[in-house]
C-alpha atoms as a PDB file:
ATOM      1  CA  UNK A   1       6.753   0.980  11.851  1.00  0.00           C
ATOM      2  CA  UNK A   2      10.529   1.152  12.263  1.00  0.00           C
ATOM      3  CA  UNK A   3      12.484  -2.124  12.063  1.00  0.00           C
ATOM      4  CA  UNK A   4      15.745  -2.374  14.053  1.00  0.00           C
ATOM      5  CA  UNK A   5      18.209  -5.173  13.276  1.00  0.00           C
ATOM      6  CA  UNK A   6      20.990  -5.870  15.764  1.00  0.00           C
ATOM      7  CA  UNK A   7      22.554  -8.901  17.468  1.00  0.00           C
ATOM      8  CA  UNK A   8      22.412  -7.265  20.892  1.00  0.00           C
ATOM      9  CA  UNK A   9      19.095  -7.611  22.691  1.00  0.00           C
ATOM     10  CA  UNK A  10      19.939  -4.671  24.955  1.00  0.00           C
ATOM     11  CA  UNK A  11      20.316  -2.409  21.912  1.00  0.00           C
ATOM     12  CA  UNK A  12      17.050  -3.621  20.402  1.00  0.00           C
ATOM     13  CA  UNK A  13      15.157  -3.043  23.629  1.00  0.00           C
ATOM     14  CA  UNK A  14      16.672   0.426  24.039  1.00  0.00           C
ATOM     15  CA  UNK A  15      15.581   1.546  20.591  1.00  0.00           C
ATOM     16  CA  UNK A  16      12.103   0.036  20.997  1.00  0.00           C
ATOM     17  CA  UNK A  17      11.576   2.026  24.194  1.00  0.00           C
ATOM     18  CA  UNK A  18      12.997   5.221  22.667  1.00  0.00           C
ATOM     19  CA  UNK A  19      10.777   5.024  19.595  1.00  0.00           C
ATOM     20  CA  UNK A  20       7.824   4.191  21.837  1.00  0.00           C
ATOM     21  CA  UNK A  21       8.358   7.418  23.786  1.00  0.00           C
ATOM     22  CA  UNK A  22       8.094   9.286  20.467  1.00  0.00           C
ATOM     23  CA  UNK A  23       4.843   7.511  19.641  1.00  0.00           C
ATOM     24  CA  UNK A  24       6.424   5.486  16.832  1.00  0.00           C
ATOM     25  CA  UNK A  25       5.808   1.765  16.434  1.00  0.00           C
ATOM     26  CA  UNK A  26       8.942  -0.378  16.127  1.00  0.00           C
ATOM     27  CA  UNK A  27      10.122  -3.984  16.180  1.00  0.00           C
ATOM     28  CA  UNK A  28      13.542  -5.500  16.809  1.00  0.00           C
ATOM     29  CA  UNK A  29      15.136  -8.511  15.117  1.00  0.00           C
ATOM     30  CA  UNK A  30      18.340 -10.469  15.275  1.00  0.00           C
ATOM     31  CA  UNK A  31      19.893 -10.560  11.759  1.00  0.00           C
ATOM     32  CA  UNK A  32      18.981 -14.126  10.828  1.00  0.00           C
ATOM     33  CA  UNK A  33      15.479 -13.786  12.260  1.00  0.00           C
ATOM     34  CA  UNK A  34      14.977 -10.649  10.203  1.00  0.00           C
ATOM     35  CA  UNK A  35      16.125 -12.310   6.994  1.00  0.00           C
ATOM     36  CA  UNK A  36      13.737 -15.233   7.490  1.00  0.00           C
ATOM     37  CA  UNK A  37      10.842 -12.946   8.385  1.00  0.00           C
ATOM     38  CA  UNK A  38      11.483 -10.591   5.473  1.00  0.00           C
ATOM     39  CA  UNK A  39      11.558 -13.388   2.927  1.00  0.00           C
ATOM     40  CA  UNK A  40       8.408 -15.065   4.295  1.00  0.00           C
ATOM     41  CA  UNK A  41       6.204 -12.014   4.909  1.00  0.00           C
ATOM     42  CA  UNK A  42       3.720 -10.936   2.206  1.00  0.00           C
ATOM     43  CA  UNK A  43       4.091  -7.498   0.639  1.00  0.00           C
ATOM     44  CA  UNK A  44       0.791  -6.345   2.141  1.00  0.00           C
ATOM     45  CA  UNK A  45       2.346  -6.549   5.617  1.00  0.00           C
ATOM     46  CA  UNK A  46       5.744  -5.186   4.578  1.00  0.00           C
ATOM     47  CA  UNK A  47       3.963  -2.021   3.433  1.00  0.00           C
ATOM     48  CA  UNK A  48       3.695  -1.006   7.113  1.00  0.00           C
ATOM     49  CA  UNK A  49       7.503  -0.614   7.374  1.00  0.00           C
ATOM     50  CA  UNK A  50       8.610   3.045   7.407  1.00  0.00           C
ATOM     51  CA  UNK A  51      12.359   2.369   7.658  1.00  0.00           C
ATOM     52  CA  UNK A  52      14.936  -0.312   8.438  1.00  0.00           C
ATOM     53  CA  UNK A  53      17.845   0.378  10.812  1.00  0.00           C
ATOM     54  CA  UNK A  54      20.824  -1.955  10.475  1.00  0.00           C
ATOM     55  CA  UNK A  55      23.407  -2.012  13.213  1.00  0.00           C
ATOM     56  CA  UNK A  56      25.875  -4.195  15.014  1.00  0.00           C
ATOM     57  CA  UNK A  57      26.030  -7.051  12.520  1.00  0.00           C
ATOM     58  CA  UNK A  58      28.548  -8.106   9.855  1.00  0.00           C
ATOM     59  CA  UNK A  59      25.613  -9.205   7.672  1.00  0.00           C
ATOM     60  CA  UNK A  60      24.477  -5.585   7.145  1.00  0.00           C
ATOM     61  CA  UNK A  61      25.636  -5.428   3.547  1.00  0.00           C
ATOM     62  CA  UNK A  62      23.797  -8.601   2.583  1.00  0.00           C
ATOM     63  CA  UNK A  63      20.672  -7.650   4.534  1.00  0.00           C
ATOM     64  CA  UNK A  64      20.538  -4.224   2.883  1.00  0.00           C
ATOM     65  CA  UNK A  65      20.497  -5.881  -0.529  1.00  0.00           C
ATOM     66  CA  UNK A  66      17.668  -8.205   0.552  1.00  0.00           C
ATOM     67  CA  UNK A  67      15.599  -5.300   1.897  1.00  0.00           C
ATOM     68  CA  UNK A  68      16.130  -3.287  -1.278  1.00  0.00           C
ATOM     69  CA  UNK A  69      14.875  -6.188  -3.406  1.00  0.00           C
ATOM     70  CA  UNK A  70      11.658  -6.570  -1.434  1.00  0.00           C
ATOM     71  CA  UNK A  71      10.499  -3.123  -0.332  1.00  0.00           C
ATOM     72  CA  UNK A  72      10.940   0.534  -1.132  1.00  0.00           C
ATOM     73  CA  UNK A  73      11.801   2.014   2.240  1.00  0.00           C
ATOM     74  CA  UNK A  74      14.695   4.001   3.760  1.00  0.00           C
ATOM     75  CA  UNK A  75      17.621   1.884   5.000  1.00  0.00           C
ATOM     76  CA  UNK A  76      19.878   3.489   7.600  1.00  0.00           C
ATOM     77  CA  UNK A  77      23.029   1.798   8.896  1.00  0.00           C
ATOM     78  CA  UNK A  78      24.014   2.554  12.500  1.00  0.00           C
ATOM     79  CA  UNK A  79      27.778   2.334  12.709  1.00  0.00           C
ATOM     80  CA  UNK A  80      30.033   1.866  15.735  1.00  0.00           C
ATOM     81  CA  UNK A  81      33.167   2.702  13.741  1.00  0.00           C
ATOM     82  CA  UNK A  82      34.337   5.699  11.752  1.00  0.00           C
ATOM     83  CA  UNK A  83      35.637   3.720   8.780  1.00  0.00           C
ATOM     84  CA  UNK A  84      35.512   5.168   5.269  1.00  0.00           C
ATOM     85  CA  UNK A  85      35.742   1.719   3.666  1.00  0.00           C
ATOM     86  CA  UNK A  86      32.816   0.462   5.734  1.00  0.00           C
ATOM     87  CA  UNK A  87      30.695   3.489   4.819  1.00  0.00           C
ATOM     88  CA  UNK A  88      31.457   3.139   1.098  1.00  0.00           C
ATOM     89  CA  UNK A  89      30.585  -0.568   1.158  1.00  0.00           C
ATOM     90  CA  UNK A  90      27.242   0.135   2.807  1.00  0.00           C
ATOM     91  CA  UNK A  91      26.320   2.817   0.280  1.00  0.00           C
ATOM     92  CA  UNK A  92      27.298   0.505  -2.560  1.00  0.00           C
ATOM     93  CA  UNK A  93      24.721  -2.130  -1.547  1.00  0.00           C
ATOM     94  CA  UNK A  94      21.788   0.278  -1.289  1.00  0.00           C
ATOM     95  CA  UNK A  95      21.950   1.832   2.179  1.00  0.00           C
ATOM     96  CA  UNK A  96      20.492   5.359   2.092  1.00  0.00           C
ATOM     97  CA  UNK A  97      22.384   6.795   5.057  1.00  0.00           C
ATOM     98  CA  UNK A  98      25.102   5.824   7.538  1.00  0.00           C
ATOM     99  CA  UNK A  99      24.896   7.291  11.047  1.00  0.00           C
ATOM    100  CA  UNK A 100      27.578   7.118  13.709  1.00  0.00           C
ATOM    101  CA  UNK A 101      26.288   6.019  17.111  1.00  0.00           C
ATOM    102  CA  UNK A 102      25.144   7.202  19.547  1.00  0.00           C
ATOM    103  CA  UNK A 103      22.263   8.970  17.820  1.00  0.00           C
ATOM    104  CA  UNK A 104      18.920  10.197  19.159  1.00  0.00           C
ATOM    105  CA  UNK A 105      15.798   8.599  17.682  1.00  0.00           C
ATOM    106  CA  UNK A 106      14.488  12.055  16.752  1.00  0.00           C
ATOM    107  CA  UNK A 107      17.472  12.521  14.478  1.00  0.00           C
ATOM    108  CA  UNK A 108      16.803   9.098  12.968  1.00  0.00           C
ATOM    109  CA  UNK A 109      13.172  10.041  12.313  1.00  0.00           C
ATOM    110  CA  UNK A 110      14.265  13.317  10.725  1.00  0.00           C
ATOM    111  CA  UNK A 111      16.685  11.449   8.453  1.00  0.00           C
ATOM    112  CA  UNK A 112      13.965   8.941   7.524  1.00  0.00           C
ATOM    113  CA  UNK A 113      11.618  11.800   6.627  1.00  0.00           C
ATOM    114  CA  UNK A 114      14.301  13.468   4.478  1.00  0.00           C
ATOM    115  CA  UNK A 115      15.081  10.219   2.655  1.00  0.00           C
ATOM    116  CA  UNK A 116      11.403   9.543   2.022  1.00  0.00           C
ATOM    117  CA  UNK A 117      10.977  13.054   0.603  1.00  0.00           C
ATOM    118  CA  UNK A 118      13.798  12.401  -1.870  1.00  0.00           C
ATOM    119  CA  UNK A 119      12.480   8.956  -2.750  1.00  0.00           C
ATOM    120  CA  UNK A 120       9.018  10.360  -3.417  1.00  0.00           C
ATOM    121  CA  UNK A 121      10.128  13.569  -5.102  1.00  0.00           C
ATOM    122  CA  UNK A 122       8.727  12.422  -8.433  1.00  0.00           C
ATOM    123  CA  UNK A 123       5.644  10.741  -6.988  1.00  0.00           C
ATOM    124  CA  UNK A 124       2.381  12.495  -7.686  1.00  0.00           C
ATOM    125  CA  UNK A 125       0.121  13.673  -4.872  1.00  0.00           C
ATOM    126  CA  UNK A 126      -2.773  11.326  -4.115  1.00  0.00           C
ATOM    127  CA  UNK A 127      -6.244  12.806  -4.464  1.00  0.00           C
ATOM    128  CA  UNK A 128      -9.543  11.484  -3.196  1.00  0.00           C
ATOM    129  CA  UNK A 129     -12.339  13.948  -3.844  1.00  0.00           C
ATOM    130  CA  UNK A 130     -11.712  17.080  -1.785  1.00  0.00           C
ATOM    131  CA  UNK A 131      -8.693  15.550  -0.002  1.00  0.00           C
ATOM    132  CA  UNK A 132      -5.125  15.681  -1.285  1.00  0.00           C
ATOM    133  CA  UNK A 133      -2.225  13.867   0.417  1.00  0.00           C
ATOM    134  CA  UNK A 134       1.381  14.598  -0.489  1.00  0.00           C
ATOM    135  CA  UNK A 135       4.216  12.055  -0.736  1.00  0.00           C
ATOM    136  CA  UNK A 136       6.677  14.342   1.056  1.00  0.00           C
ATOM    137  CA  UNK A 137       4.694  14.357   4.299  1.00  0.00           C
ATOM    138  CA  UNK A 138       3.265  17.875   4.063  1.00  0.00           C
ATOM    139  CA  UNK A 139      -0.084  18.440   5.820  1.00  0.00           C
ATOM    140  CA  UNK A 140      -2.908  17.203   3.597  1.00  0.00           C
ATOM    141  CA  UNK A 141      -5.185  19.637   1.796  1.00  0.00           C
ATOM    142  CA  UNK A 142      -8.795  19.193   2.883  1.00  0.00           C
ATOM    143  CA  UNK A 143     -11.267  21.361   1.036  1.00  0.00           C
ATOM    144  CA  UNK A 144      -8.346  23.250  -0.476  1.00  0.00           C
ATOM    145  CA  UNK A 145      -6.795  24.198   2.877  1.00  0.00           C
ATOM    146  CA  UNK A 146      -3.979  22.507   4.861  1.00  0.00           C
ATOM    147  CA  UNK A 147      -5.121  20.438   7.826  1.00  0.00           C
ATOM    148  CA  UNK A 148      -2.741  19.678  10.670  1.00  0.00           C
ATOM    149  CA  UNK A 149      -3.347  16.204  12.054  1.00  0.00           C
ATOM    150  CA  UNK A 150      -1.763  14.141  14.840  1.00  0.00           C
ATOM    151  CA  UNK A 151       0.664  11.541  13.541  1.00  0.00           C
ATOM    152  CA  UNK A 152      -1.697   8.584  13.893  1.00  0.00           C
ATOM    153  CA  UNK A 153      -4.679  10.304  12.311  1.00  0.00           C
ATOM    154  CA  UNK A 154      -2.443  11.429   9.452  1.00  0.00           C
ATOM    155  CA  UNK A 155      -1.249   7.872   8.833  1.00  0.00           C
ATOM    156  CA  UNK A 156      -4.847   6.632   8.801  1.00  0.00           C
ATOM    157  CA  UNK A 157      -5.892   9.325   6.320  1.00  0.00           C
ATOM    158  CA  UNK A 158      -2.840   8.644   4.134  1.00  0.00           C
ATOM    159  CA  UNK A 159      -3.641   4.915   4.090  1.00  0.00           C
ATOM    160  CA  UNK A 160      -7.304   5.508   3.269  1.00  0.00           C
ATOM    161  CA  UNK A 161      -6.478   7.926   0.446  1.00  0.00           C
ATOM    162  CA  UNK A 162      -3.872   5.515  -0.919  1.00  0.00           C
ATOM    163  CA  UNK A 163      -6.583   2.815  -1.014  1.00  0.00           C
ATOM    164  CA  UNK A 164      -9.407   5.173  -1.995  1.00  0.00           C
ATOM    165  CA  UNK A 165     -12.673   3.574  -3.122  1.00  0.00           C
ATOM    166  CA  UNK A 166     -11.543   0.257  -1.612  1.00  0.00           C
ATOM    167  CA  UNK A 167     -12.359  -1.307   1.737  1.00  0.00           C
ATOM    168  CA  UNK A 168      -9.656  -1.223   4.408  1.00  0.00           C
ATOM    169  CA  UNK A 169     -10.122  -3.351   7.505  1.00  0.00           C
ATOM    170  CA  UNK A 170      -9.608  -2.186  11.043  1.00  0.00           C
ATOM    171  CA  UNK A 171      -6.694  -4.619  11.330  1.00  0.00           C
ATOM    172  CA  UNK A 172      -4.966  -3.138   8.291  1.00  0.00           C
ATOM    173  CA  UNK A 173      -5.233   0.355   9.780  1.00  0.00           C
ATOM    174  CA  UNK A 174      -3.986  -0.906  13.130  1.00  0.00           C
ATOM    175  CA  UNK A 175      -0.908  -2.465  11.507  1.00  0.00           C
ATOM    176  CA  UNK A 176      -0.249   0.770   9.628  1.00  0.00           C
ATOM    177  CA  UNK A 177      -0.415   2.903  12.792  1.00  0.00           C
ATOM    178  CA  UNK A 178       0.935   0.623  15.524  1.00  0.00           C
ATOM    179  CA  UNK A 179       2.939  -1.994  13.653  1.00  0.00           C
ATOM    180  CA  UNK A 180       2.218  -5.620  12.946  1.00  0.00           C
ATOM    181  CA  UNK A 181       3.797  -6.904  16.182  1.00  0.00           C
ATOM    182  CA  UNK A 182       2.007  -4.658  18.675  1.00  0.00           C
ATOM    183  CA  UNK A 183       0.073  -6.696  21.225  1.00  0.00           C
ATOM    184  CA  UNK A 184      -0.102  -4.313  24.176  1.00  0.00           C
ATOM    185  CA  UNK A 185      -2.677  -2.041  22.494  1.00  0.00           C
ATOM    186  CA  UNK A 186      -6.232  -3.115  21.712  1.00  0.00           C
ATOM    187  CA  UNK A 187      -7.159  -3.109  18.042  1.00  0.00           C
ATOM    188  CA  UNK A 188     -10.340  -1.208  18.936  1.00  0.00           C
ATOM    189  CA  UNK A 189      -8.252   1.948  19.581  1.00  0.00           C
ATOM    190  CA  UNK A 190      -8.449   2.532  15.809  1.00  0.00           C
ATOM    191  CA  UNK A 191     -12.155   3.303  16.229  1.00  0.00           C
ATOM    192  CA  UNK A 192     -11.290   6.293  18.420  1.00  0.00           C
ATOM    193  CA  UNK A 193      -8.739   7.638  15.914  1.00  0.00           C
ATOM    194  CA  UNK A 194     -11.198   7.179  13.045  1.00  0.00           C
ATOM    195  CA  UNK A 195     -13.981   8.902  14.972  1.00  0.00           C
ATOM    196  CA  UNK A 196     -11.796  11.964  15.648  1.00  0.00           C
ATOM    197  CA  UNK A 197     -10.565  12.069  12.052  1.00  0.00           C
ATOM    198  CA  UNK A 198     -14.095  11.818  10.637  1.00  0.00           C
ATOM    199  CA  UNK A 199     -15.274  14.645  12.878  1.00  0.00           C
ATOM    200  CA  UNK A 200     -12.496  16.950  11.631  1.00  0.00           C
ATOM    201  CA  UNK A 201     -13.131  16.062   7.988  1.00  0.00           C
ATOM    202  CA  UNK A 202     -16.877  16.535   8.434  1.00  0.00           C
ATOM    203  CA  UNK A 203     -16.378  19.967  10.011  1.00  0.00           C
ATOM    204  CA  UNK A 204     -14.120  21.080   7.150  1.00  0.00           C
ATOM    205  CA  UNK A 205     -15.990  19.522   4.210  1.00  0.00           C
ATOM    206  CA  UNK A 206     -19.573  19.587   5.414  1.00  0.00           C
ATOM    207  CA  UNK A 207     -19.911  15.853   4.807  1.00  0.00           C
ATOM    208  CA  UNK A 208     -18.241  12.611   5.922  1.00  0.00           C
ATOM    209  CA  UNK A 209     -16.043  11.152   3.150  1.00  0.00           C
ATOM    210  CA  UNK A 210     -15.392   7.919   5.066  1.00  0.00           C
ATOM    211  CA  UNK A 211     -17.911   5.125   4.797  1.00  0.00           C
ATOM    212  CA  UNK A 212     -17.933   2.307   7.346  1.00  0.00           C
ATOM    213  CA  UNK A 213     -19.555  -1.107   7.066  1.00  0.00           C
ATOM    214  CA  UNK A 214     -19.782  -3.756   9.703  1.00  0.00           C
ATOM    215  CA  UNK A 215     -17.302  -6.627   9.224  1.00  0.00           C
ATOM    216  CA  UNK A 216     -15.901  -4.994   6.064  1.00  0.00           C
ATOM    217  CA  UNK A 217     -14.142  -1.905   7.457  1.00  0.00           C
ATOM    218  CA  UNK A 218     -13.712   1.573   6.003  1.00  0.00           C
ATOM    219  CA  UNK A 219     -13.727   3.193   2.581  1.00  0.00           C
ATOM    220  CA  UNK A 220     -12.784   6.748   1.654  1.00  0.00           C
ATOM    221  CA  UNK A 221     -14.767   7.796  -1.418  1.00  0.00           C
ATOM    222  CA  UNK A 222     -13.030   9.725  -4.184  1.00  0.00           C
ATOM    223  CA  UNK A 223     -16.422  10.924  -5.489  1.00  0.00           C
ATOM    224  CA  UNK A 224     -17.794  13.633  -3.155  1.00  0.00           C
ATOM    225  CA  UNK A 225     -21.330  13.102  -4.485  1.00  0.00           C
ATOM    226  CA  UNK A 226     -21.145   9.442  -3.529  1.00  0.00           C
ATOM    227  CA  UNK A 227     -19.864  10.358  -0.069  1.00  0.00           C
ATOM    228  CA  UNK A 228     -22.573  12.994   0.429  1.00  0.00           C
ATOM    229  CA  UNK A 229     -25.262  10.567  -0.644  1.00  0.00           C
ATOM    230  CA  UNK A 230     -24.404   7.772   1.753  1.00  0.00           C
ATOM    231  CA  UNK A 231     -26.545   7.326   4.882  1.00  0.00           C
ATOM    232  CA  UNK A 232     -25.335   9.312   7.874  1.00  0.00           C
ATOM    233  CA  UNK A 233     -24.015   7.238  10.741  1.00  0.00           C
ATOM    234  CA  UNK A 234     -23.623   8.650  14.234  1.00  0.00           C
ATOM    235  CA  UNK A 235     -20.280   8.149  15.914  1.00  0.00           C
ATOM    236  CA  UNK A 236     -21.909   6.141  18.681  1.00  0.00           C
ATOM    237  CA  UNK A 237     -23.511   3.715  16.242  1.00  0.00           C
ATOM    238  CA  UNK A 238     -20.294   3.665  14.191  1.00  0.00           C
ATOM    239  CA  UNK A 239     -18.264   2.550  17.201  1.00  0.00           C
ATOM    240  CA  UNK A 240     -20.754  -0.176  18.128  1.00  0.00           C
ATOM    241  CA  UNK A 241     -21.120  -1.429  14.576  1.00  0.00           C
ATOM    242  CA  UNK A 242     -17.377  -1.825  14.076  1.00  0.00           C
ATOM    243  CA  UNK A 243     -16.596  -3.618  17.318  1.00  0.00           C
ATOM    244  CA  UNK A 244     -16.122  -6.810  15.343  1.00  0.00           C
ATOM    245  CA  UNK A 245     -14.963  -5.314  12.032  1.00  0.00           C
END
């Protein structure tokens, strides 16, 4: 989820619609609202934030420092002015990039990806059995071969591998994919994404590494033998069983 901070509601709405057209979840805040929300929100929810865009507010420098204290995520300042002093101040408080407006959201996403790659350059790849996910966003290795996945399925797989051998609820996956403020999409859509992802993994690996339990959610096993030994569950039963998960 991309967070946009700006005093102008028209700007916030414009970015929300633009990111939505790219299939990226986003949320807009006025500066003071964002500060209050950031300080009150638990880290488990803040983990869904992919980047913070700061624009159109004199509080940017202070807000950047607050973000940097709480979460490890790219911070990009959107500037209306071409001022060297302003740019230097923003970099000095922890902003990762300063972009002169107007800028297309695809460029913003590309910059976010580049920043994340640098931030995670020293992070080790995450491995769960026959699945390997890379911190720089490369396609995951499944059974030793790269697997191209749609953005949402990739985010689900990344989240499951990151929390391997632990239960992840449907709500947690929904927040990761669609953002914690999305209310126009039914939470049950996650079941469809999971079903498609499981089918692809099963075709590649010959077994289903994702275990599902009613009310408890999903678990990706890091031990292939454990995954192979679990009872098989048809997709139809899986969807019915997790209606209330």
